[in-house]
Amino acid sequence: MTDTSPTITAPGAPGGLGQAPQPFAIREYLDALEAWVRGRRHELDQLDSAALTSGRGREISADIALSLALWKAVADRYQQMFATWDGGRVLGPERDKIAALIWGRLEAGGDLAGVRGMAVTVPEACKLSDALAAQLRTKLALSPGAGRSAARIKDLRAQCERLRDQVALEPEVGRDAIVDRLANLMARLDDVTTRAGRGADVGGLLGPLEQEAAVFERDLIVGNARRRGAREQVAAARSLLADLTTRAAALRELSRRCIATVDPAPRYAVPDLAALGPVPNTPDEIGPYLDRLNRVAQALAIADTAYSEALTEHADLLGLLDAYAAKARAIGIGDRDDLMTSERRAREVLGRRPAPMSVCRALVTAYQTWLTQFDPAAKDLS
């Protein structure tokens, strides 16, 4: 509902029946009456709109009709007074006529056609209109200051509809408590609306209600955001779990080959991903689960690096021995007994399973030493 502008009251009428008022009094009264006519029409339009908005148009239609009839009678009589006033050119007869227009009865069938039993003067019609307007404002909770409460109630109802839509998105688990919370909130709002409809001051009740509704809506929004984030985390966890499962299988094979090839070999346990259990789908559990998966990923990376480096060193030693032997043959000394014996021994030890890496390093270095003994330039071989 929309609050009305500050309410207006009927101006005091000058003179009396048979008492012609002074020109200055007539002018002041006509100015005040013209403002009253305009203001009351605007107020009645707002009251009628508020009644239709609240769905109570039929309930107060009779009061609205009577108020409009009174307003029309006064407005028509004002036009007659204004025409008689003629910009202030009034003498005794005109002043008497204006007095008669002010204090004469607005008879039914004339100024109040259609309203039975109504025979009042202009001042009485204005006061009756004031009383009816006040009664309508009270019924519609549109008394001064209540419009703000009505607007706040309207906003609360819109907020409750948003809450209803959000509650429908909540998962089945735990929804009963949330539904009860919404029902309690709406029951309190209905009570406040009823009180406001009776004209009660509900400002003190609206503050806590607005705060609780705001907190409730925030909780629902945060909860929905957490669930949306959890869904994304669940998808990420499933993808990461599949990748880690493949990497773990590959690491087991790499570990087996490394342990069989070199000695000493790194000793890293391959994590058992099945021990982590299935991927959870709740916001509280998916975060810690992802943390565990990330720690597993780090452990796999460390183990993979260690095993790969151990195998690479073995391959590098074999490759270096091949390069040295090729150099020896290229310069025509490959058939020297010491070189041949050294190469044969190095290849034999490198070919063992597992190969003792410290001995392999020493034997390859020994071959290099013999090679440089026969050809000092060979020490520059990379």
Protein backbone atom coordinates (compact mmCIF):
# COMPACT_ATOMS: atom_id res chain seq x y z
CA MET A 1 0.00 0.00 0.00
CA THR A 2 1.07 3.58 -0.56
CA ASP A 3 0.94 6.08 2.25
CA THR A 4 -1.28 9.10 1.71
CA SER A 5 0.05 12.61 1.80
CA PRO A 6 -0.42 14.47 5.13
CA THR A 7 -4.14 14.44 5.88
CA ILE A 8 -6.16 17.59 5.42
CA THR A 9 -9.01 18.95 7.52
CA ALA A 10 -11.96 21.12 6.66
CA PRO A 11 -11.37 24.88 6.90
CA GLY A 12 -13.41 26.96 9.32
CA ALA A 13 -16.35 28.69 7.60
CA PRO A 14 -16.85 32.46 8.06
CA GLY A 15 -20.05 34.09 9.18
CA GLY A 16 -23.24 32.13 9.60
CA LEU A 17 -26.64 31.56 8.10
CA GLY A 18 -27.98 35.07 7.45
CA GLN A 19 -24.65 36.67 8.36
CA ALA A 20 -22.78 37.94 5.34
CA PRO A 21 -18.99 37.47 5.83
CA GLN A 22 -16.47 40.18 5.01
CA PRO A 23 -14.74 40.01 1.60
CA PHE A 24 -11.32 39.19 3.10
CA ALA A 25 -12.87 36.31 5.08
CA ILE A 26 -14.58 35.02 1.97
CA ARG A 27 -11.31 35.10 0.04
CA GLU A 28 -9.42 33.18 2.74
CA TYR A 29 -12.20 30.62 3.03
CA LEU A 30 -12.42 30.05 -0.71
CA ASP A 31 -8.64 29.58 -0.91
CA ALA A 32 -8.72 27.08 1.96
CA LEU A 33 -11.79 25.30 0.58
CA GLU A 34 -10.20 25.02 -2.87
CA ALA A 35 -7.11 23.40 -1.28
CA TRP A 36 -9.37 21.07 0.73
CA VAL A 37 -11.30 20.02 -2.40
CA ARG A 38 -8.13 19.23 -4.32
CA GLY A 39 -6.45 17.48 -1.40
CA ARG A 40 -9.48 15.42 -0.45
CA ARG A 41 -9.95 14.21 -4.03
CA HIS A 42 -6.31 13.11 -4.16
CA GLU A 43 -6.66 11.37 -0.81
CA LEU A 44 -9.83 9.55 -1.87
CA ASP A 45 -8.09 8.35 -5.05
CA GLN A 46 -5.26 6.94 -2.94
CA LEU A 47 -7.66 5.29 -0.52
CA ASP A 48 -9.59 3.72 -3.38
CA SER A 49 -6.34 2.45 -4.94
CA ALA A 50 -5.20 1.07 -1.59
CA ALA A 51 -8.52 -0.71 -1.13
CA LEU A 52 -8.25 -2.35 -4.56
CA THR A 53 -4.59 -3.30 -3.96
CA SER A 54 -5.41 -4.94 -0.64
CA GLY A 55 -8.39 -6.79 -2.11
CA ARG A 56 -10.83 -4.97 0.21
CA GLY A 57 -12.58 -2.86 -2.40
CA ARG A 58 -15.97 -4.52 -1.89
CA GLU A 59 -15.70 -4.22 1.90
CA ILE A 60 -15.36 -0.42 1.91
CA SER A 61 -17.13 0.41 -1.35
CA ALA A 62 -20.08 2.03 0.48
CA ASP A 63 -17.81 4.33 2.50
CA ILE A 64 -15.87 5.26 -0.64
CA ALA A 65 -19.11 6.02 -2.49
CA LEU A 66 -20.38 8.23 0.35
CA SER A 67 -17.05 10.03 0.61
CA LEU A 68 -17.05 10.71 -3.12
CA ALA A 69 -20.65 11.97 -2.97
CA LEU A 70 -19.78 14.36 -0.15
CA TRP A 71 -16.72 15.55 -2.01
CA LYS A 72 -18.71 16.10 -5.20
CA ALA A 73 -21.37 18.08 -3.34
CA VAL A 74 -18.79 20.33 -1.71
CA ALA A 75 -16.82 20.71 -4.94
CA ASP A 76 -19.97 21.76 -6.86
CA ARG A 77 -20.95 24.21 -4.12
CA TYR A 78 -17.41 25.63 -4.13
CA GLN A 79 -17.72 26.31 -7.87
CA GLN A 80 -20.93 28.23 -7.23
CA MET A 81 -19.25 30.26 -4.48
CA PHE A 82 -16.22 30.95 -6.67
CA ALA A 83 -18.43 32.12 -9.54
CA THR A 84 -20.33 34.43 -7.18
CA TRP A 85 -17.07 35.75 -5.71
CA ASP A 86 -16.09 36.85 -9.26
CA GLY A 87 -12.55 37.79 -8.37
CA GLY A 88 -13.61 39.83 -5.34
CA ARG A 89 -16.21 42.00 -7.01
CA VAL A 90 -18.84 41.41 -4.35
CA LEU A 91 -21.31 43.73 -2.73
CA GLY A 92 -23.98 43.05 -0.17
CA PRO A 93 -26.20 40.77 -2.33
CA GLU A 94 -23.21 38.66 -3.47
CA ARG A 95 -21.94 38.29 0.10
CA ASP A 96 -25.41 37.20 1.23
CA LYS A 97 -25.58 34.65 -1.59
CA ILE A 98 -22.13 33.25 -0.65
CA ALA A 99 -23.25 32.96 2.97
CA ALA A 100 -26.35 31.07 1.81
CA LEU A 101 -24.20 28.77 -0.31
CA ILE A 102 -21.93 28.07 2.68
CA TRP A 103 -24.60 27.50 5.29
CA GLY A 104 -27.45 26.29 3.14
CA ARG A 105 -28.31 22.58 3.12
CA LEU A 106 -26.93 20.21 0.53
CA GLU A 107 -30.27 18.52 -0.02
CA ALA A 108 -30.60 14.91 -1.16
CA GLY A 109 -31.62 14.76 -4.79
CA GLY A 110 -29.59 17.89 -5.46
CA ASP A 111 -26.02 18.25 -4.36
CA LEU A 112 -26.14 14.79 -2.72
CA ALA A 113 -28.20 13.00 -5.32
CA GLY A 114 -28.34 9.31 -4.62
CA VAL A 115 -27.49 9.59 -0.91
CA ARG A 116 -30.70 9.27 1.10
CA GLY A 117 -31.30 11.17 4.32
CA MET A 118 -28.33 13.48 3.75
CA ALA A 119 -29.08 17.19 4.34
CA VAL A 120 -25.96 18.95 5.62
CA THR A 121 -24.24 22.29 5.17
CA VAL A 122 -20.87 22.68 3.44
CA PRO A 123 -18.95 22.86 6.78
CA GLU A 124 -20.83 19.80 8.04
CA ALA A 125 -20.19 17.92 4.78
CA CYS A 126 -16.48 18.75 5.02
CA LYS A 127 -16.27 17.54 8.63
CA LEU A 128 -18.19 14.37 7.76
CA SER A 129 -15.82 13.80 4.85
CA ASP A 130 -12.87 14.26 7.22
CA ALA A 131 -14.31 11.66 9.58
CA LEU A 132 -14.99 9.18 6.80
CA ALA A 133 -11.48 9.61 5.39
CA ALA A 134 -9.97 9.01 8.83
CA GLN A 135 -12.09 5.88 9.23
CA LEU A 136 -10.99 4.59 5.83
CA ARG A 137 -7.35 5.28 6.62
CA THR A 138 -7.67 3.30 9.83
CA LYS A 139 -9.34 0.37 8.07
CA LEU A 140 -6.66 0.31 5.41
CA ALA A 141 -3.79 0.99 7.83
CA LEU A 142 -3.05 4.24 6.03
CA SER A 143 -3.07 6.60 8.97
CA PRO A 144 -0.03 8.92 9.13
CA GLY A 145 3.07 6.75 9.65
CA ALA A 146 1.24 3.49 8.96
CA GLY A 147 1.99 3.70 5.26
CA ARG A 148 5.62 2.99 5.99
CA SER A 149 4.56 -0.08 7.97
CA ALA A 150 2.30 -1.17 5.11
CA ALA A 151 5.19 -0.82 2.66
CA ARG A 152 7.44 -2.81 4.99
CA ILE A 153 4.77 -5.52 5.28
CA LYS A 154 4.53 -5.65 1.48
CA ASP A 155 8.32 -6.02 1.23
CA LEU A 156 8.23 -8.77 3.86
CA ARG A 157 5.57 -10.67 1.92
CA ALA A 158 7.69 -10.44 -1.24
CA GLN A 159 10.69 -11.65 0.76
CA CYS A 160 8.68 -14.59 2.12
CA GLU A 161 7.83 -15.61 -1.43
CA ARG A 162 11.53 -15.59 -2.28
CA LEU A 163 12.16 -17.65 0.84
CA ARG A 164 9.47 -20.12 -0.20
CA ASP A 165 11.18 -20.58 -3.58
CA GLN A 166 14.57 -21.05 -1.93
CA VAL A 167 13.24 -23.54 0.62
CA ALA A 168 11.94 -25.65 -2.26
CA LEU A 169 15.55 -26.00 -3.44
CA GLU A 170 16.74 -27.37 -0.10
CA PRO A 171 17.69 -31.07 0.02
CA GLU A 172 15.30 -33.49 1.66
CA VAL A 173 17.65 -34.06 4.58
CA GLY A 174 17.03 -31.32 7.12
CA ARG A 175 14.27 -29.63 5.12
CA ASP A 176 11.62 -30.10 7.84
CA ALA A 177 13.41 -27.71 10.20
CA ILE A 178 13.72 -25.10 7.45
CA VAL A 179 10.05 -25.45 6.49
CA ASP A 180 9.07 -24.99 10.15
CA ARG A 181 11.21 -21.89 10.32
CA LEU A 182 9.50 -20.42 7.25
CA ALA A 183 6.04 -21.33 8.56
CA ASN A 184 6.76 -19.59 11.86
CA LEU A 185 7.98 -16.50 10.03
CA MET A 186 4.89 -16.34 7.82
CA ALA A 187 2.55 -16.88 10.77
CA ARG A 188 4.11 -13.95 12.56
CA LEU A 189 3.82 -11.84 9.41
CA ASP A 190 0.12 -12.73 9.10
CA ASP A 191 -0.39 -11.67 12.71
CA VAL A 192 1.36 -8.34 12.09
CA THR A 193 -0.70 -7.80 8.93
CA THR A 194 -3.92 -8.44 10.83
CA ARG A 195 -2.91 -6.01 13.56
CA ALA A 196 -2.00 -3.37 10.97
CA GLY A 197 -5.36 -3.90 9.28
CA ARG A 198 -7.04 -2.99 12.57
CA GLY A 199 -5.02 0.21 12.71
CA ALA A 200 -2.46 -0.94 15.29
CA ASP A 201 1.05 0.46 15.38
CA VAL A 202 3.18 -2.51 14.31
CA GLY A 203 6.49 -0.74 13.85
CA GLY A 204 7.96 -2.41 16.92
CA LEU A 205 7.03 -5.86 15.63
CA LEU A 206 8.33 -5.33 12.11
CA GLY A 207 11.95 -4.66 13.04
CA PRO A 208 12.69 -8.09 14.59
CA LEU A 209 10.65 -9.78 11.86
CA GLU A 210 12.65 -8.05 9.11
CA GLN A 211 15.92 -8.96 10.81
CA GLU A 212 14.95 -12.62 11.17
CA ALA A 213 13.76 -12.78 7.55
CA ALA A 214 17.03 -11.21 6.38
CA VAL A 215 19.10 -13.69 8.40
CA PHE A 216 16.96 -16.59 7.13
CA GLU A 217 17.37 -15.49 3.50
CA ARG A 218 21.11 -15.05 3.99
CA ASP A 219 21.39 -18.54 5.48
CA LEU A 220 19.49 -20.05 2.56
CA ILE A 221 21.59 -18.20 -0.02
CA VAL A 222 24.83 -19.20 1.69
CA GLY A 223 23.64 -22.79 2.01
CA ASN A 224 22.68 -22.95 -1.65
CA ALA A 225 26.02 -21.44 -2.65
CA ARG A 226 27.83 -24.01 -0.51
CA ARG A 227 25.90 -26.85 -2.12
CA ARG A 228 26.65 -25.45 -5.59
CA GLY A 229 30.31 -25.20 -4.66
CA ALA A 230 30.17 -28.71 -3.22
CA ARG A 231 28.74 -30.05 -6.50
CA GLU A 232 31.66 -28.52 -8.35
CA GLN A 233 34.07 -29.96 -5.79
CA VAL A 234 32.46 -33.39 -6.11
CA ALA A 235 32.98 -33.30 -9.87
CA ALA A 236 36.58 -32.18 -9.37
CA ALA A 237 37.15 -34.90 -6.75
CA ARG A 238 35.81 -37.62 -9.04
CA SER A 239 38.00 -36.47 -11.90
CA LEU A 240 41.06 -36.23 -9.63
CA LEU A 241 40.34 -39.65 -8.12
CA ALA A 242 40.19 -41.23 -11.58
CA ASP A 243 43.47 -39.57 -12.54
CA LEU A 244 45.16 -40.61 -9.28
CA THR A 245 43.94 -44.18 -9.71
CA THR A 246 45.62 -44.32 -13.14
CA ARG A 247 48.79 -42.68 -11.80
CA ALA A 248 48.91 -45.06 -8.82
CA ALA A 249 48.72 -48.09 -11.12
CA ALA A 250 51.50 -46.66 -13.28
CA LEU A 251 53.59 -45.92 -10.20
CA ARG A 252 53.26 -49.48 -8.98
CA GLU A 253 54.66 -50.70 -12.29
CA LEU A 254 57.41 -48.07 -12.20
CA SER A 255 58.27 -49.07 -8.62
CA ARG A 256 58.41 -52.74 -9.58
CA ARG A 257 60.79 -52.04 -12.50
CA CYS A 258 62.96 -49.72 -10.42
CA ILE A 259 63.32 -52.18 -7.53
CA ALA A 260 64.14 -54.93 -10.01
CA THR A 261 66.68 -52.79 -11.88
CA VAL A 262 68.73 -50.86 -9.32
CA ASP A 263 70.04 -51.33 -5.82
CA PRO A 264 69.48 -49.47 -3.66
CA ALA A 265 66.07 -48.44 -5.00
CA PRO A 266 63.75 -45.79 -3.50
CA ARG A 267 61.16 -47.24 -1.18
CA TYR A 268 57.88 -45.37 -1.33
CA ALA A 269 54.54 -46.87 -0.47
CA VAL A 270 51.92 -46.36 -3.17
CA PRO A 271 48.79 -44.93 -1.48
CA ASP A 272 45.72 -47.13 -1.47
CA LEU A 273 43.02 -44.86 -2.90
CA ALA A 274 40.30 -47.33 -2.00
CA ALA A 275 41.06 -46.60 1.65
CA LEU A 276 39.77 -43.05 1.15
CA GLY A 277 36.27 -44.40 0.59
CA PRO A 278 33.71 -43.15 -1.93
CA VAL A 279 33.57 -39.49 -2.92
CA PRO A 280 31.24 -37.70 -0.44
CA ASN A 281 28.62 -35.27 -1.72
CA THR A 282 28.02 -33.00 1.26
CA PRO A 283 29.59 -29.53 1.70
CA ASP A 284 31.07 -30.46 5.08
CA GLU A 285 32.81 -33.62 3.85
CA ILE A 286 33.90 -32.87 0.30
CA GLY A 287 36.49 -30.24 1.29
CA PRO A 288 38.49 -32.52 3.61
CA TYR A 289 38.21 -35.34 1.06
CA LEU A 290 39.70 -33.13 -1.64
CA ASP A 291 42.51 -32.18 0.75
CA ARG A 292 43.33 -35.87 1.22
CA LEU A 293 43.29 -36.42 -2.53
CA ASN A 294 45.69 -33.52 -3.02
CA ARG A 295 48.04 -34.96 -0.41
CA VAL A 296 47.91 -38.30 -2.24
CA ALA A 297 48.72 -36.48 -5.49
CA GLN A 298 51.77 -34.88 -3.85
CA ALA A 299 52.93 -38.24 -2.50
CA LEU A 300 52.57 -39.87 -5.92
CA ALA A 301 54.55 -37.05 -7.52
CA ILE A 302 57.42 -37.44 -5.02
CA ALA A 303 57.54 -41.20 -5.47
CA ASP A 304 57.33 -40.96 -9.24
CA THR A 305 60.24 -38.51 -9.31
CA ALA A 306 62.40 -40.71 -7.09
CA TYR A 307 61.79 -43.92 -9.07
CA SER A 308 62.21 -42.17 -12.40
CA GLU A 309 65.51 -40.58 -11.35
CA ALA A 310 66.88 -43.94 -10.14
CA LEU A 311 66.08 -45.63 -13.48
CA THR A 312 67.38 -42.62 -15.39
CA GLU A 313 70.72 -42.79 -13.59
CA HIS A 314 71.09 -46.47 -14.56
CA ALA A 315 70.27 -45.69 -18.18
CA ASP A 316 72.66 -42.70 -18.14
CA LEU A 317 75.53 -44.84 -16.84
CA LEU A 318 74.95 -47.40 -19.59
CA GLY A 319 74.77 -44.64 -22.18
CA LEU A 320 77.97 -43.06 -20.89
CA LEU A 321 79.80 -46.40 -21.07
CA ASP A 322 78.62 -46.82 -24.67
CA ALA A 323 79.95 -43.37 -25.52
CA TYR A 324 83.32 -44.07 -23.94
CA ALA A 325 83.60 -47.43 -25.78
CA ALA A 326 82.70 -45.79 -29.08
CA LYS A 327 85.38 -43.17 -28.48
CA ALA A 328 87.95 -45.85 -27.76
CA ARG A 329 87.15 -47.67 -30.98
CA ALA A 330 87.18 -44.46 -32.94
CA ILE A 331 90.75 -43.68 -31.92
CA GLY A 332 91.86 -47.26 -32.39
CA ILE A 333 92.41 -48.30 -28.80
CA GLY A 334 89.20 -50.18 -28.15
CA ASP A 335 90.94 -53.55 -28.29
CA ARG A 336 93.40 -52.80 -25.48
CA ASP A 337 93.18 -55.53 -22.85
CA ASP A 338 92.68 -53.16 -19.93
CA LEU A 339 89.88 -51.28 -21.71
CA MET A 340 88.17 -54.45 -22.89
CA THR A 341 88.36 -56.00 -19.41
CA SER A 342 87.06 -52.81 -17.80
CA GLU A 343 84.19 -52.48 -20.31
CA ARG A 344 83.21 -56.12 -19.94
CA ARG A 345 83.15 -55.89 -16.18
CA ALA A 346 81.12 -52.65 -16.21
CA ARG A 347 78.54 -54.08 -18.61
CA GLU A 348 78.26 -57.23 -16.56
CA VAL A 349 77.51 -55.34 -13.37
CA LEU A 350 75.14 -52.89 -15.14
CA GLY A 351 73.29 -55.89 -16.53
CA ARG A 352 72.64 -57.43 -13.14
CA ARG A 353 69.13 -57.31 -11.67
CA PRO A 354 69.20 -55.43 -9.52
CA ALA A 355 72.40 -53.63 -10.43
CA PRO A 356 74.50 -52.31 -7.50
CA MET A 357 74.58 -48.63 -8.41
CA SER A 358 77.59 -47.61 -6.35
CA VAL A 359 79.66 -50.35 -8.09
CA CYS A 360 78.25 -49.37 -11.48
CA ARG A 361 79.31 -45.77 -10.97
CA ALA A 362 82.80 -46.88 -9.95
CA LEU A 363 83.21 -49.25 -12.92
CA VAL A 364 82.10 -46.68 -15.49
CA THR A 365 84.48 -44.19 -13.89
CA ALA A 366 87.25 -46.84 -14.02
CA TYR A 367 86.67 -47.31 -17.78
CA GLN A 368 86.89 -43.56 -18.24
CA THR A 369 90.13 -43.51 -16.26
CA TRP A 370 91.70 -46.22 -18.47
CA LEU A 371 90.54 -44.37 -21.56
CA THR A 372 92.18 -41.11 -20.48
CA GLN A 373 95.28 -43.08 -19.52
CA PHE A 374 95.69 -44.10 -23.16
CA ASP A 375 94.30 -40.90 -24.66
CA PRO A 376 94.28 -37.81 -22.42
CA ALA A 377 91.97 -36.03 -24.86
CA ALA A 378 89.21 -38.51 -24.00
CA LYS A 379 88.69 -36.80 -20.64
CA ASP A 380 86.84 -34.06 -22.50
CA LEU A 381 84.20 -36.52 -23.68
CA SER A 382 80.80 -35.30 -22.54
